[in-house]
């Protein structure tokens, strides 16, 4: 674990796991500046498997990043709060409480968090460790994991709601300690159990994504799309979008991305920026008023998002289109 100028590099611990000292001590790291507060604690569990507990608070435009080393698989869960994240140019998603997530060879840029911050636990798995797991998956049910173990290739962010079993195990890990022999063994046992549940759920997500989009799904996505376009200032959650479309979370994510080629939150961001541009061209409202109209309470955060989409700051865009 190494501090970078903008966040943290999830670096595999080089400590040896010999028989005389099988357990390694936890390491801590903090980052506190004008834009974000970052807390991290790392603990090597096994060769190629590290456990991290992270806390991030970013109420202002932030460049806080979580970056794994090359050829590392990251899998984890959110146990409190939420955060808007970027996994690529104009690719926006939202991590929320009780969600699991999985990705490899990508940098997560945290755009902002809720007022109470984001708390998450995650694991980094080397390709060597991944191979030991896929050796047990003789039927190759988890294709993404097999591809990573074989090629070390990039896996796009995949996430979903934890099932009751995974959530119960996650709660045990959040409330656990590594201070004693027994506690350390229980933490490792719970970690492996949770990883098994999460990989099982990732298989279900992959199968759901591969399923054909039927007419009902298309109608549901149209309903969600219309809701977003009619009220772009609203701060939607995944649960609310699921209710609007009468779809479960897995189906919503896969169907929306299949139909629109982006996540629902990326689509919402584009709708907001297009609507903001329309309001700025009308030249009736100030930049701050336009920001509020499209759901941004922070003007500088809005300005950065607008510039990423339109290549101009809002004020410059407004002046350019002023007659």
Protein backbone atom coordinates (compact mmCIF):
# COMPACT_ATOMS: atom_id res chain seq x y z
CA UNK A 1 0.00 0.00 0.00
CA UNK A 2 1.62 3.25 -1.21
CA UNK A 3 0.38 6.82 -1.14
CA UNK A 4 0.19 8.52 -4.54
CA UNK A 5 -0.31 12.25 -5.28
CA UNK A 6 -4.06 11.65 -5.60
CA UNK A 7 -4.85 8.61 -3.48
CA UNK A 8 -3.57 5.11 -2.92
CA UNK A 9 -1.82 2.38 -4.89
CA UNK A 10 -2.97 -1.08 -3.82
CA UNK A 11 0.44 -2.69 -3.85
CA UNK A 12 0.92 -6.38 -3.07
CA UNK A 13 2.77 -6.76 0.21
CA UNK A 14 6.24 -8.24 -0.24
CA UNK A 15 6.43 -9.64 3.30
CA UNK A 16 7.34 -13.32 3.52
CA UNK A 17 4.83 -15.84 4.79
CA UNK A 18 7.16 -18.31 6.49
CA UNK A 19 6.13 -20.90 9.06
CA UNK A 20 7.68 -18.99 11.95
CA UNK A 21 5.64 -15.85 11.23
CA UNK A 22 2.50 -16.71 9.24
CA UNK A 23 0.65 -13.53 10.23
CA UNK A 24 1.70 -10.04 9.16
CA UNK A 25 0.83 -6.82 10.99
CA UNK A 26 -1.64 -4.32 9.57
CA UNK A 27 -0.32 -1.16 7.91
CA UNK A 28 -2.06 2.20 8.01
CA UNK A 29 -2.05 5.23 5.73
CA UNK A 30 -3.87 8.58 5.79
CA UNK A 31 -4.33 11.42 3.30
CA UNK A 32 -5.91 14.72 4.34
CA UNK A 33 -6.06 17.77 2.09
CA UNK A 34 -8.49 20.49 1.09
CA UNK A 35 -10.50 18.20 -1.17
CA UNK A 36 -10.63 14.80 0.51
CA UNK A 37 -9.91 12.83 3.64
CA UNK A 38 -8.62 9.31 3.03
CA UNK A 39 -7.95 6.53 5.54
CA UNK A 40 -6.60 3.11 4.67
CA UNK A 41 -5.49 -0.01 6.50
CA UNK A 42 -3.98 -3.05 4.79
CA UNK A 43 -3.45 -6.59 6.02
CA UNK A 44 -1.80 -9.42 4.05
CA UNK A 45 -3.85 -12.59 4.50
CA UNK A 46 -2.11 -15.06 2.20
CA UNK A 47 0.50 -14.85 -0.54
CA UNK A 48 -1.24 -12.93 -3.31
CA UNK A 49 -4.27 -11.96 -1.18
CA UNK A 50 -4.43 -8.63 0.67
CA UNK A 51 -7.29 -7.17 2.69
CA UNK A 52 -7.95 -3.41 2.82
CA UNK A 53 -10.30 -1.28 4.89
CA UNK A 54 -10.79 2.16 3.33
CA UNK A 55 -12.62 5.33 4.28
CA UNK A 56 -13.04 8.32 1.95
CA UNK A 57 -14.78 11.66 2.47
CA UNK A 58 -14.94 13.94 -0.57
CA UNK A 59 -17.72 16.51 -0.50
CA UNK A 60 -15.96 18.68 -3.08
CA UNK A 61 -14.58 17.92 -6.55
CA UNK A 62 -11.96 15.29 -5.88
CA UNK A 63 -9.22 13.44 -7.70
CA UNK A 64 -8.97 10.74 -5.03
CA UNK A 65 -8.02 7.47 -6.70
CA UNK A 66 -7.87 3.81 -5.81
CA UNK A 67 -5.39 2.15 -8.13
CA UNK A 68 -4.41 -1.54 -8.11
CA UNK A 69 -1.05 -2.72 -9.38
CA UNK A 70 -0.96 -4.35 -12.79
CA UNK A 71 -2.49 -7.81 -13.00
CA UNK A 72 -4.41 -7.52 -9.76
CA UNK A 73 -8.06 -8.40 -9.34
CA UNK A 74 -9.95 -6.17 -6.91
CA UNK A 75 -13.10 -7.44 -5.22
CA UNK A 76 -14.88 -5.76 -2.33
CA UNK A 77 -18.02 -4.32 -0.78
CA UNK A 78 -19.44 -1.02 0.52
CA UNK A 79 -20.54 -1.18 4.13
CA UNK A 80 -21.64 2.44 4.55
CA UNK A 81 -22.22 5.57 2.48
CA UNK A 82 -22.05 6.03 -1.28
CA UNK A 83 -19.75 7.54 -3.90
CA UNK A 84 -19.93 8.62 -7.52
CA UNK A 85 -16.99 7.04 -9.33
CA UNK A 86 -15.33 7.15 -12.75
CA UNK A 87 -13.82 4.06 -14.33
CA UNK A 88 -13.01 5.69 -17.66
CA UNK A 89 -13.74 8.72 -19.85
CA UNK A 90 -17.40 9.71 -19.33
CA UNK A 91 -18.08 6.38 -17.58
CA UNK A 92 -19.86 7.17 -14.31
CA UNK A 93 -21.21 4.71 -11.80
CA UNK A 94 -22.34 4.76 -8.21
CA UNK A 95 -21.19 2.53 -5.37
CA UNK A 96 -23.73 2.21 -2.57
CA UNK A 97 -24.11 0.52 0.78
CA UNK A 98 -24.52 -3.29 0.64
CA UNK A 99 -23.05 -3.52 -2.88
CA UNK A 100 -20.22 -5.82 -3.93
CA UNK A 101 -17.90 -4.86 -6.79
CA UNK A 102 -15.17 -6.45 -8.90
CA UNK A 103 -12.65 -5.13 -11.44
CA UNK A 104 -9.02 -5.47 -12.57
CA UNK A 105 -6.32 -3.25 -14.09
CA UNK A 106 -8.33 -0.06 -13.71
CA UNK A 107 -8.14 3.05 -11.57
CA UNK A 108 -11.25 4.11 -9.69
CA UNK A 109 -11.50 7.90 -9.44
CA UNK A 110 -13.82 8.99 -6.65
CA UNK A 111 -15.73 12.04 -7.83
CA UNK A 112 -17.56 12.71 -4.58
CA UNK A 113 -19.10 10.92 -1.62
CA UNK A 114 -22.13 11.45 0.59
CA UNK A 115 -21.71 13.79 3.57
CA UNK A 116 -20.83 10.90 5.87
CA UNK A 117 -18.24 9.53 3.46
CA UNK A 118 -17.69 6.12 1.88
CA UNK A 119 -16.54 3.10 3.87
CA UNK A 120 -15.52 0.01 1.94
CA UNK A 121 -13.56 -3.20 2.40
CA UNK A 122 -11.78 -4.86 -0.48
CA UNK A 123 -9.32 -7.57 -1.44
CA UNK A 124 -6.59 -7.59 -4.07
CA UNK A 125 -5.86 -10.95 -5.67
CA UNK A 126 -2.77 -11.69 -7.74
CA UNK A 127 -3.00 -13.86 -10.85
CA UNK A 128 -1.25 -16.63 -8.91
CA UNK A 129 -3.93 -16.55 -6.23
CA UNK A 130 -6.65 -16.36 -8.90
CA UNK A 131 -5.27 -19.53 -10.47
CA UNK A 132 -5.67 -21.39 -7.19
CA UNK A 133 -9.33 -20.35 -7.16
CA UNK A 134 -10.12 -21.22 -10.78
CA UNK A 135 -8.51 -24.62 -10.27
CA UNK A 136 -11.56 -25.38 -8.09
CA UNK A 137 -13.97 -24.08 -10.77
CA UNK A 138 -13.65 -27.12 -13.00
CA UNK A 139 -16.72 -26.20 -15.07
CA UNK A 140 -15.40 -22.68 -15.75
CA UNK A 141 -18.60 -21.05 -14.56
CA UNK A 142 -16.83 -17.79 -13.77
CA UNK A 143 -15.47 -16.94 -17.21
CA UNK A 144 -14.18 -13.48 -16.22
CA UNK A 145 -12.10 -14.95 -13.41
CA UNK A 146 -10.68 -17.62 -15.72
CA UNK A 147 -9.73 -14.98 -18.29
CA UNK A 148 -7.99 -12.87 -15.65
CA UNK A 149 -6.12 -15.89 -14.23
CA UNK A 150 -4.96 -16.88 -17.72
CA UNK A 151 -4.20 -13.49 -19.29
CA UNK A 152 -4.17 -10.89 -16.51
CA UNK A 153 -6.44 -8.79 -18.73
CA UNK A 154 -8.65 -5.87 -17.76
CA UNK A 155 -12.07 -6.68 -16.33
CA UNK A 156 -14.60 -3.83 -16.40
CA UNK A 157 -16.29 -2.83 -13.16
CA UNK A 158 -19.02 -5.26 -12.18
CA UNK A 159 -21.19 -4.73 -9.13
CA UNK A 160 -24.42 -5.85 -7.52
CA UNK A 161 -26.36 -6.08 -4.31
CA UNK A 162 -24.94 -8.53 -1.78
CA UNK A 163 -27.18 -11.51 -1.05
CA UNK A 164 -28.11 -12.13 2.62
CA UNK A 165 -25.29 -14.64 3.12
CA UNK A 166 -22.62 -12.33 1.71
CA UNK A 167 -23.97 -9.39 3.71
CA UNK A 168 -23.92 -11.35 6.97
CA UNK A 169 -20.28 -12.37 6.38
CA UNK A 170 -19.39 -8.79 5.44
CA UNK A 171 -20.81 -7.55 8.74
CA UNK A 172 -18.63 -10.03 10.62
CA UNK A 173 -15.52 -8.72 8.85
CA UNK A 174 -16.42 -5.08 9.48
CA UNK A 175 -16.85 -5.78 13.20
CA UNK A 176 -13.81 -8.05 13.49
CA UNK A 177 -10.25 -7.42 14.63
CA UNK A 178 -6.90 -8.97 13.76
CA UNK A 179 -5.40 -8.31 17.19
CA UNK A 180 -5.33 -11.91 18.43
CA UNK A 181 -4.58 -15.40 17.10
CA UNK A 182 -8.20 -16.55 17.12
CA UNK A 183 -9.49 -13.25 15.73
CA UNK A 184 -6.94 -13.33 12.91
CA UNK A 185 -7.95 -16.85 11.89
CA UNK A 186 -11.65 -15.92 11.98
CA UNK A 187 -10.99 -12.87 9.81
CA UNK A 188 -9.23 -14.97 7.20
CA UNK A 189 -11.98 -17.61 7.27
CA UNK A 190 -14.69 -14.97 6.85
CA UNK A 191 -12.71 -13.28 4.07
CA UNK A 192 -12.46 -16.49 2.05
CA UNK A 193 -16.15 -17.24 2.66
CA UNK A 194 -17.15 -13.78 1.49
CA UNK A 195 -14.97 -14.00 -1.63
CA UNK A 196 -16.63 -17.33 -2.47
CA UNK A 197 -20.09 -15.73 -2.18
CA UNK A 198 -19.08 -12.70 -4.23
CA UNK A 199 -17.65 -14.81 -7.06
CA UNK A 200 -20.84 -16.85 -7.02
CA UNK A 201 -22.89 -13.68 -7.42
CA UNK A 202 -20.63 -12.46 -10.23
CA UNK A 203 -21.49 -15.64 -12.13
CA UNK A 204 -25.19 -14.81 -11.75
CA UNK A 205 -24.58 -11.27 -13.03
CA UNK A 206 -22.71 -12.58 -16.07
CA UNK A 207 -25.54 -14.97 -16.87
CA UNK A 208 -28.10 -12.21 -16.51
CA UNK A 209 -26.07 -9.94 -18.81
CA UNK A 210 -25.91 -12.66 -21.43
CA UNK A 211 -29.68 -13.13 -21.37
CA UNK A 212 -31.62 -11.66 -24.29
CA UNK A 213 -33.38 -8.32 -23.75
CA UNK A 214 -37.09 -8.91 -24.20
CA UNK A 215 -39.88 -6.44 -24.95
CA UNK A 216 -40.76 -6.04 -21.27
CA UNK A 217 -37.16 -5.11 -20.46
CA UNK A 218 -37.04 -2.56 -23.25
CA UNK A 219 -40.28 -0.97 -22.04
CA UNK A 220 -38.87 -0.85 -18.50
CA UNK A 221 -35.67 0.84 -19.67
CA UNK A 222 -37.73 3.31 -21.71
CA UNK A 223 -39.68 4.14 -18.54
CA UNK A 224 -36.47 4.69 -16.57
CA UNK A 225 -34.96 6.75 -19.41
CA UNK A 226 -38.03 8.99 -19.55
CA UNK A 227 -37.95 9.49 -15.76
CA UNK A 228 -34.31 10.58 -15.94
CA UNK A 229 -34.97 12.94 -18.85
CA UNK A 230 -38.07 14.43 -17.18
CA UNK A 231 -36.34 15.07 -13.84
CA UNK A 232 -32.54 15.22 -14.31
CA UNK A 233 -32.00 17.19 -11.08
CA UNK A 234 -33.11 14.29 -8.91
CA UNK A 235 -30.42 12.27 -7.05
CA UNK A 236 -31.52 8.78 -8.05
CA UNK A 237 -30.44 5.60 -6.29
CA UNK A 238 -30.31 2.15 -7.84
CA UNK A 239 -33.24 1.05 -5.70
CA UNK A 240 -35.35 3.96 -6.97
CA UNK A 241 -34.52 3.19 -10.60
CA UNK A 242 -35.42 -0.45 -10.01
CA UNK A 243 -38.81 0.59 -8.62
CA UNK A 244 -39.43 2.96 -11.53
CA UNK A 245 -38.73 0.24 -14.08
CA UNK A 246 -40.06 -2.70 -12.04
CA UNK A 247 -36.76 -4.53 -12.65
CA UNK A 248 -34.25 -6.16 -10.36
CA UNK A 249 -30.81 -4.58 -10.10
CA UNK A 250 -28.97 -7.11 -12.27
CA UNK A 251 -31.49 -6.84 -15.08
CA UNK A 252 -31.57 -3.04 -14.91
CA UNK A 253 -27.79 -2.73 -15.22
CA UNK A 254 -27.39 -5.26 -18.02
CA UNK A 255 -30.44 -4.11 -20.00
CA UNK A 256 -29.67 -0.40 -19.67
CA UNK A 257 -26.08 -0.87 -20.80
CA UNK A 258 -27.14 -3.12 -23.67
CA UNK A 259 -29.69 -0.59 -24.92
CA UNK A 260 -27.82 2.68 -24.25
CA UNK A 261 -24.22 1.53 -24.25
CA UNK A 262 -23.57 3.16 -20.85
CA UNK A 263 -24.67 2.93 -17.24
CA UNK A 264 -27.81 4.67 -16.00
CA UNK A 265 -25.69 7.13 -14.03
CA UNK A 266 -23.53 7.94 -17.05
CA UNK A 267 -26.73 8.56 -19.01
CA UNK A 268 -28.07 10.79 -16.21
CA UNK A 269 -24.85 12.80 -16.26
CA UNK A 270 -25.10 13.33 -20.04
CA UNK A 271 -28.75 14.40 -19.77
CA UNK A 272 -27.82 16.86 -17.02
CA UNK A 273 -24.97 18.36 -19.03
CA UNK A 274 -27.09 18.69 -22.20
CA UNK A 275 -29.88 20.35 -20.21
CA UNK A 276 -27.34 22.66 -18.55
CA UNK A 277 -25.99 23.67 -21.95
CA UNK A 278 -29.54 24.49 -23.09
CA UNK A 279 -30.12 26.68 -20.01
CA UNK A 280 -26.80 28.46 -20.46
CA UNK A 281 -27.58 29.23 -24.10
CA UNK A 282 -30.90 30.81 -23.02
CA UNK A 283 -28.83 33.14 -20.79
CA UNK A 284 -31.63 33.65 -18.23
CA UNK A 285 -29.91 32.05 -15.22
CA UNK A 286 -26.53 32.38 -13.55
CA UNK A 287 -24.09 29.48 -13.59
CA UNK A 288 -24.94 28.69 -9.94
CA UNK A 289 -28.66 28.67 -10.74
CA UNK A 290 -28.08 26.36 -13.71
CA UNK A 291 -26.02 24.04 -11.50
CA UNK A 292 -28.93 23.83 -9.04
CA UNK A 293 -31.40 23.23 -11.85
CA UNK A 294 -29.49 20.11 -12.96
CA UNK A 295 -28.94 18.67 -9.49
CA UNK A 296 -25.55 20.06 -8.44
CA UNK A 297 -25.29 21.84 -5.08
CA UNK A 298 -21.59 22.52 -5.61
CA UNK A 299 -20.80 24.99 -8.38
CA UNK A 300 -17.17 23.94 -8.85
CA UNK A 301 -18.19 20.29 -9.08
CA UNK A 302 -20.74 21.24 -11.74
CA UNK A 303 -18.14 23.30 -13.61
CA UNK A 304 -15.73 20.39 -13.81
CA UNK A 305 -18.43 17.96 -14.95
CA UNK A 306 -19.61 20.45 -17.60
CA UNK A 307 -16.09 21.00 -18.91
CA UNK A 308 -15.49 17.24 -19.19
CA UNK A 309 -18.62 16.97 -21.33
CA UNK A 310 -18.49 20.19 -23.39
CA UNK A 311 -14.75 21.09 -23.25
CA UNK A 312 -15.60 24.54 -21.89
CA UNK A 313 -16.32 25.93 -18.45
CA UNK A 314 -20.01 26.91 -18.01
CA UNK A 315 -19.31 30.66 -17.91
CA UNK A 316 -17.20 30.51 -21.06
CA UNK A 317 -19.89 28.43 -22.79
CA UNK A 318 -22.55 30.94 -21.80
CA UNK A 319 -20.51 33.89 -23.07
CA UNK A 320 -19.72 32.10 -26.33
CA UNK A 321 -23.44 31.67 -27.07
CA UNK A 322 -24.45 35.15 -25.91
CA UNK A 323 -25.75 37.42 -28.65
